[in-house]
Amino acid sequence: MLPYIYIYIKTKTKKGKDNTLPKSLIPTTHINYENRGMDYYDDIPKFAAFPPDNQMNNDGSTPYTPPKKKIDAMQLVYLLFSQHL
């Protein structure tokens, strides 16, 4: 089942067997995303039909808005505490 293939992109078994997919098989886009069975919150671009038109957000809404800049945990702690000083 294709939706679950993402789990095997970078994993290893207990015995050390590498289950990493070859780069040629790693997904690069979600197509026909408007007919999805569930939302996927990843960095891969999503399209209502086929690229390059009608790009969608992770929740399926349009028009596409680029995600906000990611911050790490230390930046988050700083932002939270700096507002209370």
PDB file of N, CA and C in Angstrom:
ATOM      1  N   MET A   1       0.839  -1.174   0.000  1.00  0.00           N
ATOM      2  CA  MET A   1       0.000   0.000   0.000  1.00  0.00           C
ATOM      3  C   MET A   1       0.886   1.240   0.000  1.00  0.00           C
ATOM      4  N   LEU A   2       0.740   2.109  -0.958  1.00  0.00           N
ATOM      5  CA  LEU A   2       1.643   3.241  -1.125  1.00  0.00           C
ATOM      6  C   LEU A   2       1.717   4.237   0.024  1.00  0.00           C
ATOM      7  N   PRO A   3       0.628   4.608   0.702  1.00  0.00           N
ATOM      8  CA  PRO A   3       0.791   5.592   1.767  1.00  0.00           C
ATOM      9  C   PRO A   3       1.763   5.165   2.849  1.00  0.00           C
ATOM     10  N   TYR A   4       1.906   3.886   3.066  1.00  0.00           N
ATOM     11  CA  TYR A   4       2.779   3.404   4.122  1.00  0.00           C
ATOM     12  C   TYR A   4       4.219   3.216   3.678  1.00  0.00           C
ATOM     13  N   ILE A   5       4.504   3.444   2.424  1.00  0.00           N
ATOM     14  CA  ILE A   5       5.874   3.309   1.931  1.00  0.00           C
ATOM     15  C   ILE A   5       6.785   4.361   2.556  1.00  0.00           C
ATOM     16  N   TYR A   6       6.209   5.494   2.966  1.00  0.00           N
ATOM     17  CA  TYR A   6       6.991   6.584   3.548  1.00  0.00           C
ATOM     18  C   TYR A   6       7.689   6.148   4.830  1.00  0.00           C
ATOM     19  N   ILE A   7       7.111   5.189   5.549  1.00  0.00           N
ATOM     20  CA  ILE A   7       7.698   4.696   6.792  1.00  0.00           C
ATOM     21  C   ILE A   7       9.071   4.089   6.535  1.00  0.00           C
ATOM     22  N   TYR A   8       9.270   3.525   5.377  1.00  0.00           N
ATOM     23  CA  TYR A   8      10.493   2.786   5.081  1.00  0.00           C
ATOM     24  C   TYR A   8      11.572   3.618   4.403  1.00  0.00           C
ATOM     25  N   ILE A   9      11.403   4.932   4.357  1.00  0.00           N
ATOM     26  CA  ILE A   9      12.415   5.741   3.690  1.00  0.00           C
ATOM     27  C   ILE A   9      13.737   5.694   4.434  1.00  0.00           C
ATOM     28  N   LYS A  10      13.712   5.820   5.755  1.00  0.00           N
ATOM     29  CA  LYS A  10      14.954   5.800   6.530  1.00  0.00           C
ATOM     30  C   LYS A  10      14.748   4.996   7.802  1.00  0.00           C
ATOM     31  N   THR A  11      14.744   3.703   7.720  1.00  0.00           N
ATOM     32  CA  THR A  11      14.580   2.865   8.898  1.00  0.00           C
ATOM     33  C   THR A  11      15.561   1.704   8.849  1.00  0.00           C
ATOM     34  N   LYS A  12      15.842   1.153  10.006  1.00  0.00           N
ATOM     35  CA  LYS A  12      16.668  -0.044  10.108  1.00  0.00           C
ATOM     36  C   LYS A  12      15.976  -1.029  11.033  1.00  0.00           C
ATOM     37  N   THR A  13      16.169  -2.313  10.780  1.00  0.00           N
ATOM     38  CA  THR A  13      15.584  -3.343  11.625  1.00  0.00           C
ATOM     39  C   THR A  13      16.449  -3.546  12.858  1.00  0.00           C
ATOM     40  N   LYS A  14      15.951  -4.348  13.793  1.00  0.00           N
ATOM     41  CA  LYS A  14      16.711  -4.646  15.012  1.00  0.00           C
ATOM     42  C   LYS A  14      18.016  -5.362  14.695  1.00  0.00           C
ATOM     43  N   LYS A  15      18.026  -6.144  13.636  1.00  0.00           N
ATOM     44  CA  LYS A  15      19.226  -6.881  13.263  1.00  0.00           C
ATOM     45  C   LYS A  15      20.185  -6.043  12.424  1.00  0.00           C
ATOM     46  N   GLY A  16      19.858  -4.764  12.204  1.00  0.00           N
ATOM     47  CA  GLY A  16      20.748  -3.882  11.463  1.00  0.00           C
ATOM     48  C   GLY A  16      20.507  -3.851   9.969  1.00  0.00           C
ATOM     49  N   LYS A  17      19.496  -4.562   9.498  1.00  0.00           N
ATOM     50  CA  LYS A  17      19.200  -4.545   8.071  1.00  0.00           C
ATOM     51  C   LYS A  17      18.690  -3.167   7.681  1.00  0.00           C
ATOM     52  N   ASP A  18      19.214  -2.611   6.628  1.00  0.00           N
ATOM     53  CA  ASP A  18      18.839  -1.275   6.180  1.00  0.00           C
ATOM     54  C   ASP A  18      17.611  -1.355   5.280  1.00  0.00           C
ATOM     55  N   ASN A  19      16.519  -0.689   5.710  1.00  0.00           N
ATOM     56  CA  ASN A  19      15.291  -0.666   4.919  1.00  0.00           C
ATOM     57  C   ASN A  19      15.127   0.640   4.159  1.00  0.00           C
ATOM     58  N   THR A  20      16.195   1.370   3.969  1.00  0.00           N
ATOM     59  CA  THR A  20      16.120   2.657   3.302  1.00  0.00           C
ATOM     60  C   THR A  20      15.813   2.467   1.814  1.00  0.00           C
ATOM     61  N   LEU A  21      14.862   3.244   1.327  1.00  0.00           N
ATOM     62  CA  LEU A  21      14.522   3.179  -0.091  1.00  0.00           C
ATOM     63  C   LEU A  21      15.624   3.792  -0.938  1.00  0.00           C
ATOM     64  N   PRO A  22      15.836   3.296  -2.135  1.00  0.00           N
ATOM     65  CA  PRO A  22      16.768   3.965  -3.048  1.00  0.00           C
ATOM     66  C   PRO A  22      16.213   5.338  -3.422  1.00  0.00           C
ATOM     67  N   LYS A  23      17.090   6.284  -3.708  1.00  0.00           N
ATOM     68  CA  LYS A  23      16.661   7.649  -4.027  1.00  0.00           C
ATOM     69  C   LYS A  23      15.678   7.687  -5.191  1.00  0.00           C
ATOM     70  N   SER A  24      15.782   6.754  -6.104  1.00  0.00           N
ATOM     71  CA  SER A  24      14.877   6.744  -7.261  1.00  0.00           C
ATOM     72  C   SER A  24      13.437   6.396  -6.874  1.00  0.00           C
ATOM     73  N   LEU A  25      13.209   5.810  -5.686  1.00  0.00           N
ATOM     74  CA  LEU A  25      11.871   5.425  -5.255  1.00  0.00           C
ATOM     75  C   LEU A  25      11.284   6.342  -4.180  1.00  0.00           C
ATOM     76  N   ILE A  26      12.067   7.288  -3.677  1.00  0.00           N
ATOM     77  CA  ILE A  26      11.561   8.192  -2.652  1.00  0.00           C
ATOM     78  C   ILE A  26      10.585   9.165  -3.291  1.00  0.00           C
ATOM     79  N   PRO A  27       9.379   9.330  -2.705  1.00  0.00           N
ATOM     80  CA  PRO A  27       8.373  10.217  -3.288  1.00  0.00           C
ATOM     81  C   PRO A  27       8.856  11.661  -3.388  1.00  0.00           C
ATOM     82  N   THR A  28       8.479  12.337  -4.465  1.00  0.00           N
ATOM     83  CA  THR A  28       8.858  13.743  -4.647  1.00  0.00           C
ATOM     84  C   THR A  28       7.660  14.669  -4.689  1.00  0.00           C
ATOM     85  N   THR A  29       6.466  14.155  -4.991  1.00  0.00           N
ATOM     86  CA  THR A  29       5.243  14.960  -5.006  1.00  0.00           C
ATOM     87  C   THR A  29       4.047  14.083  -4.636  1.00  0.00           C
ATOM     88  N   HIS A  30       2.994  14.742  -4.161  1.00  0.00           N
ATOM     89  CA  HIS A  30       1.699  14.088  -3.996  1.00  0.00           C
ATOM     90  C   HIS A  30       0.821  14.594  -5.136  1.00  0.00           C
ATOM     91  N   ILE A  31       0.299  13.700  -5.960  1.00  0.00           N
ATOM     92  CA  ILE A  31      -0.596  14.119  -7.035  1.00  0.00           C
ATOM     93  C   ILE A  31      -2.010  13.651  -6.713  1.00  0.00           C
ATOM     94  N   ASN A  32      -3.005  14.339  -7.287  1.00  0.00           N
ATOM     95  CA  ASN A  32      -4.418  14.068  -6.999  1.00  0.00           C
ATOM     96  C   ASN A  32      -4.686  14.134  -5.494  1.00  0.00           C
ATOM     97  N   TYR A  33      -4.070  15.110  -4.837  1.00  0.00           N
ATOM     98  CA  TYR A  33      -4.152  15.239  -3.386  1.00  0.00           C
ATOM     99  C   TYR A  33      -5.563  15.574  -2.919  1.00  0.00           C
ATOM    100  N   GLU A  34      -6.387  16.156  -3.786  1.00  0.00           N
ATOM    101  CA  GLU A  34      -7.752  16.482  -3.385  1.00  0.00           C
ATOM    102  C   GLU A  34      -8.572  15.221  -3.118  1.00  0.00           C
ATOM    103  N   ASN A  35      -8.124  14.081  -3.609  1.00  0.00           N
ATOM    104  CA  ASN A  35      -8.815  12.802  -3.395  1.00  0.00           C
ATOM    105  C   ASN A  35      -8.103  11.927  -2.374  1.00  0.00           C
ATOM    106  N   ARG A  36      -7.309  12.539  -1.501  1.00  0.00           N
ATOM    107  CA  ARG A  36      -6.505  11.780  -0.536  1.00  0.00           C
ATOM    108  C   ARG A  36      -7.397  11.098   0.496  1.00  0.00           C
ATOM    109  N   GLY A  37      -6.865  10.068   1.111  1.00  0.00           N
ATOM    110  CA  GLY A  37      -7.577   9.390   2.184  1.00  0.00           C
ATOM    111  C   GLY A  37      -7.260   9.984   3.538  1.00  0.00           C
ATOM    112  N   MET A  38      -6.115  10.654   3.657  1.00  0.00           N
ATOM    113  CA  MET A  38      -5.705  11.305   4.892  1.00  0.00           C
ATOM    114  C   MET A  38      -4.726  12.421   4.570  1.00  0.00           C
ATOM    115  N   ASP A  39      -4.567  13.365   5.497  1.00  0.00           N
ATOM    116  CA  ASP A  39      -3.616  14.456   5.303  1.00  0.00           C
ATOM    117  C   ASP A  39      -2.200  13.966   5.583  1.00  0.00           C
ATOM    118  N   TYR A  40      -1.253  14.474   4.806  1.00  0.00           N
ATOM    119  CA  TYR A  40       0.153  14.151   4.999  1.00  0.00           C
ATOM    120  C   TYR A  40       0.891  15.431   5.332  1.00  0.00           C
ATOM    121  N   TYR A  41       1.495  15.484   6.498  1.00  0.00           N
ATOM    122  CA  TYR A  41       2.223  16.675   6.928  1.00  0.00           C
ATOM    123  C   TYR A  41       3.713  16.431   6.716  1.00  0.00           C
ATOM    124  N   ASP A  42       4.142  16.622   5.480  1.00  0.00           N
ATOM    125  CA  ASP A  42       5.546  16.484   5.119  1.00  0.00           C
ATOM    126  C   ASP A  42       5.921  17.659   4.228  1.00  0.00           C
ATOM    127  N   ASP A  43       7.164  17.706   3.821  1.00  0.00           N
ATOM    128  CA  ASP A  43       7.659  18.823   3.015  1.00  0.00           C
ATOM    129  C   ASP A  43       7.490  18.598   1.518  1.00  0.00           C
ATOM    130  N   ILE A  44       6.871  17.511   1.135  1.00  0.00           N
ATOM    131  CA  ILE A  44       6.698  17.191  -0.280  1.00  0.00           C
ATOM    132  C   ILE A  44       5.539  18.024  -0.842  1.00  0.00           C
ATOM    133  N   PRO A  45       5.711  18.663  -2.009  1.00  0.00           N
ATOM    134  CA  PRO A  45       4.618  19.462  -2.577  1.00  0.00           C
ATOM    135  C   PRO A  45       3.413  18.598  -2.955  1.00  0.00           C
ATOM    136  N   LYS A  46       2.230  19.192  -2.788  1.00  0.00           N
ATOM    137  CA  LYS A  46       0.978  18.496  -3.066  1.00  0.00           C
ATOM    138  C   LYS A  46       0.203  19.233  -4.142  1.00  0.00           C
ATOM    139  N   PHE A  47      -0.395  18.497  -5.072  1.00  0.00           N
ATOM    140  CA  PHE A  47      -1.123  19.094  -6.189  1.00  0.00           C
ATOM    141  C   PHE A  47      -2.518  18.496  -6.279  1.00  0.00           C
ATOM    142  N   ALA A  48      -3.512  19.341  -6.599  1.00  0.00           N
ATOM    143  CA  ALA A  48      -4.894  18.881  -6.728  1.00  0.00           C
ATOM    144  C   ALA A  48      -5.007  17.845  -7.843  1.00  0.00           C
ATOM    145  N   ALA A  49      -4.346  18.071  -8.948  1.00  0.00           N
ATOM    146  CA  ALA A  49      -4.360  17.117 -10.054  1.00  0.00           C
ATOM    147  C   ALA A  49      -2.914  16.745 -10.374  1.00  0.00           C
ATOM    148  N   PHE A  50      -2.355  17.371 -11.399  1.00  0.00           N
ATOM    149  CA  PHE A  50      -0.973  17.090 -11.774  1.00  0.00           C
ATOM    150  C   PHE A  50      -0.171  18.385 -11.770  1.00  0.00           C
ATOM    151  N   PRO A  51       1.130  18.303 -11.446  1.00  0.00           N
ATOM    152  CA  PRO A  51       1.956  19.517 -11.416  1.00  0.00           C
ATOM    153  C   PRO A  51       2.019  20.159 -12.789  1.00  0.00           C
ATOM    154  N   PRO A  52       2.280  21.423 -12.914  1.00  0.00           N
ATOM    155  CA  PRO A  52       2.669  22.388 -11.884  1.00  0.00           C
ATOM    156  C   PRO A  52       1.515  23.225 -11.355  1.00  0.00           C
ATOM    157  N   ASP A  53       0.274  23.022 -11.831  1.00  0.00           N
ATOM    158  CA  ASP A  53      -0.844  23.875 -11.427  1.00  0.00           C
ATOM    159  C   ASP A  53      -1.570  23.328 -10.197  1.00  0.00           C
ATOM    160  N   ASN A  54      -2.269  24.227  -9.504  1.00  0.00           N
ATOM    161  CA  ASN A  54      -3.146  23.874  -8.382  1.00  0.00           C
ATOM    162  C   ASN A  54      -2.421  23.217  -7.214  1.00  0.00           C
ATOM    163  N   GLN A  55      -1.334  23.850  -6.760  1.00  0.00           N
ATOM    164  CA  GLN A  55      -0.640  23.331  -5.589  1.00  0.00           C
ATOM    165  C   GLN A  55      -1.503  23.553  -4.349  1.00  0.00           C
ATOM    166  N   MET A  56      -1.474  22.586  -3.426  1.00  0.00           N
ATOM    167  CA  MET A  56      -2.328  22.615  -2.244  1.00  0.00           C
ATOM    168  C   MET A  56      -1.499  22.619  -0.969  1.00  0.00           C
ATOM    169  N   ASN A  57      -2.146  22.985   0.140  1.00  0.00           N
ATOM    170  CA  ASN A  57      -1.529  22.922   1.458  1.00  0.00           C
ATOM    171  C   ASN A  57      -1.670  21.513   2.022  1.00  0.00           C
ATOM    172  N   ASN A  58      -1.006  21.234   3.142  1.00  0.00           N
ATOM    173  CA  ASN A  58      -1.078  19.913   3.768  1.00  0.00           C
ATOM    174  C   ASN A  58      -2.501  19.503   4.100  1.00  0.00           C
ATOM    175  N   ASP A  59      -3.352  20.472   4.496  1.00  0.00           N
ATOM    176  CA  ASP A  59      -4.724  20.146   4.870  1.00  0.00           C
ATOM    177  C   ASP A  59      -5.664  20.108   3.676  1.00  0.00           C
ATOM    178  N   GLY A  60      -5.150  20.308   2.472  1.00  0.00           N
ATOM    179  CA  GLY A  60      -5.955  20.248   1.262  1.00  0.00           C
ATOM    180  C   GLY A  60      -6.548  21.572   0.838  1.00  0.00           C
ATOM    181  N   SER A  61      -6.267  22.636   1.580  1.00  0.00           N
ATOM    182  CA  SER A  61      -6.823  23.940   1.226  1.00  0.00           C
ATOM    183  C   SER A  61      -6.011  24.589   0.110  1.00  0.00           C
ATOM    184  N   THR A  62      -6.657  25.485  -0.599  1.00  0.00           N
ATOM    185  CA  THR A  62      -6.007  26.274  -1.636  1.00  0.00           C
ATOM    186  C   THR A  62      -6.389  27.720  -1.419  1.00  0.00           C
ATOM    187  N   PRO A  63      -5.728  28.725  -1.833  1.00  0.00           N
ATOM    188  CA  PRO A  63      -4.479  28.647  -2.581  1.00  0.00           C
ATOM    189  C   PRO A  63      -3.322  28.257  -1.671  1.00  0.00           C
ATOM    190  N   TYR A  64      -2.276  27.788  -2.295  1.00  0.00           N
ATOM    191  CA  TYR A  64      -1.097  27.327  -1.571  1.00  0.00           C
ATOM    192  C   TYR A  64      -0.422  28.488  -0.853  1.00  0.00           C
ATOM    193  N   THR A  65      -0.105  28.269   0.405  1.00  0.00           N
ATOM    194  CA  THR A  65       0.700  29.223   1.164  1.00  0.00           C
ATOM    195  C   THR A  65       1.926  28.481   1.674  1.00  0.00           C
ATOM    196  N   PRO A  66       3.115  28.979   1.390  1.00  0.00           N
ATOM    197  CA  PRO A  66       4.322  28.276   1.826  1.00  0.00           C
ATOM    198  C   PRO A  66       4.346  28.129   3.347  1.00  0.00           C
ATOM    199  N   PRO A  67       4.870  27.005   3.853  1.00  0.00           N
ATOM    200  CA  PRO A  67       4.930  26.826   5.304  1.00  0.00           C
ATOM    201  C   PRO A  67       5.856  27.850   5.942  1.00  0.00           C
ATOM    202  N   LYS A  68       5.564  28.162   7.214  1.00  0.00           N
ATOM    203  CA  LYS A  68       6.407  29.101   7.941  1.00  0.00           C
ATOM    204  C   LYS A  68       7.765  28.468   8.193  1.00  0.00           C
ATOM    205  N   LYS A  69       8.749  29.297   8.429  1.00  0.00           N
ATOM    206  CA  LYS A  69      10.100  28.820   8.686  1.00  0.00           C
ATOM    207  C   LYS A  69      10.098  27.912   9.911  1.00  0.00           C
ATOM    208  N   LYS A  70      10.758  26.781   9.812  1.00  0.00           N
ATOM    209  CA  LYS A  70      10.845  25.860  10.930  1.00  0.00           C
ATOM    210  C   LYS A  70      11.840  26.392  11.954  1.00  0.00           C
ATOM    211  N   ILE A  71      11.537  26.173  13.223  1.00  0.00           N
ATOM    212  CA  ILE A  71      12.456  26.574  14.278  1.00  0.00           C
ATOM    213  C   ILE A  71      12.767  25.367  15.137  1.00  0.00           C
ATOM    214  N   ASP A  72      13.948  25.354  15.730  1.00  0.00           N
ATOM    215  CA  ASP A  72      14.304  24.229  16.583  1.00  0.00           C
ATOM    216  C   ASP A  72      13.812  24.489  18.010  1.00  0.00           C
ATOM    217  N   ALA A  73      13.990  23.525  18.883  1.00  0.00           N
ATOM    218  CA  ALA A  73      13.451  23.593  20.241  1.00  0.00           C
ATOM    219  C   ALA A  73      14.029  24.769  21.023  1.00  0.00           C
ATOM    220  N   MET A  74      15.321  25.036  20.887  1.00  0.00           N
ATOM    221  CA  MET A  74      15.937  26.136  21.642  1.00  0.00           C
ATOM    222  C   MET A  74      15.392  27.485  21.184  1.00  0.00           C
ATOM    223  N   GLN A  75      15.168  27.644  19.893  1.00  0.00           N
ATOM    224  CA  GLN A  75      14.586  28.887  19.405  1.00  0.00           C
ATOM    225  C   GLN A  75      13.167  29.062  19.935  1.00  0.00           C
ATOM    226  N   LEU A  76      12.423  27.967  20.022  1.00  0.00           N
ATOM    227  CA  LEU A  76      11.061  28.023  20.538  1.00  0.00           C
ATOM    228  C   LEU A  76      11.053  28.442  22.005  1.00  0.00           C
ATOM    229  N   VAL A  77      11.945  27.862  22.806  1.00  0.00           N
ATOM    230  CA  VAL A  77      12.035  28.231  24.222  1.00  0.00           C
ATOM    231  C   VAL A  77      12.383  29.706  24.348  1.00  0.00           C
ATOM    232  N   TYR A  78      13.327  30.160  23.544  1.00  0.00           N
ATOM    233  CA  TYR A  78      13.703  31.575  23.585  1.00  0.00           C
ATOM    234  C   TYR A  78      12.523  32.472  23.234  1.00  0.00           C
ATOM    235  N   LEU A  79      11.796  32.118  22.174  1.00  0.00           N
ATOM    236  CA  LEU A  79      10.646  32.926  21.774  1.00  0.00           C
ATOM    237  C   LEU A  79       9.563  32.960  22.844  1.00  0.00           C
ATOM    238  N   LEU A  80       9.316  31.832  23.480  1.00  0.00           N
ATOM    239  CA  LEU A  80       8.285  31.775  24.507  1.00  0.00           C
ATOM    240  C   LEU A  80       8.650  32.605  25.735  1.00  0.00           C
ATOM    241  N   PHE A  81       9.901  32.491  26.176  1.00  0.00           N
ATOM    242  CA  PHE A  81      10.309  33.201  27.385  1.00  0.00           C
ATOM    243  C   PHE A  81      10.613  34.675  27.135  1.00  0.00           C
ATOM    244  N   SER A  82      11.039  35.030  25.929  1.00  0.00           N
ATOM    245  CA  SER A  82      11.364  36.430  25.657  1.00  0.00           C
ATOM    246  C   SER A  82      10.102  37.296  25.634  1.00  0.00           C
ATOM    247  N   GLN A  83       8.959  36.696  25.370  1.00  0.00           N
ATOM    248  CA  GLN A  83       7.713  37.463  25.350  1.00  0.00           C
ATOM    249  C   GLN A  83       7.246  37.797  26.763  1.00  0.00           C
ATOM    250  N   HIS A  84       7.727  37.083  27.756  1.00  0.00           N
ATOM    251  CA  HIS A  84       7.286  37.302  29.137  1.00  0.00           C
ATOM    252  C   HIS A  84       8.255  38.180  29.924  1.00  0.00           C
ATOM    253  N   LEU A  85       9.318  38.633  29.314  1.00  0.00           N
ATOM    254  CA  LEU A  85      10.292  39.476  30.028  1.00  0.00           C
ATOM    255  C   LEU A  85       9.878  40.922  30.012  1.00  0.00           C
TER     256      LEU A  85
END
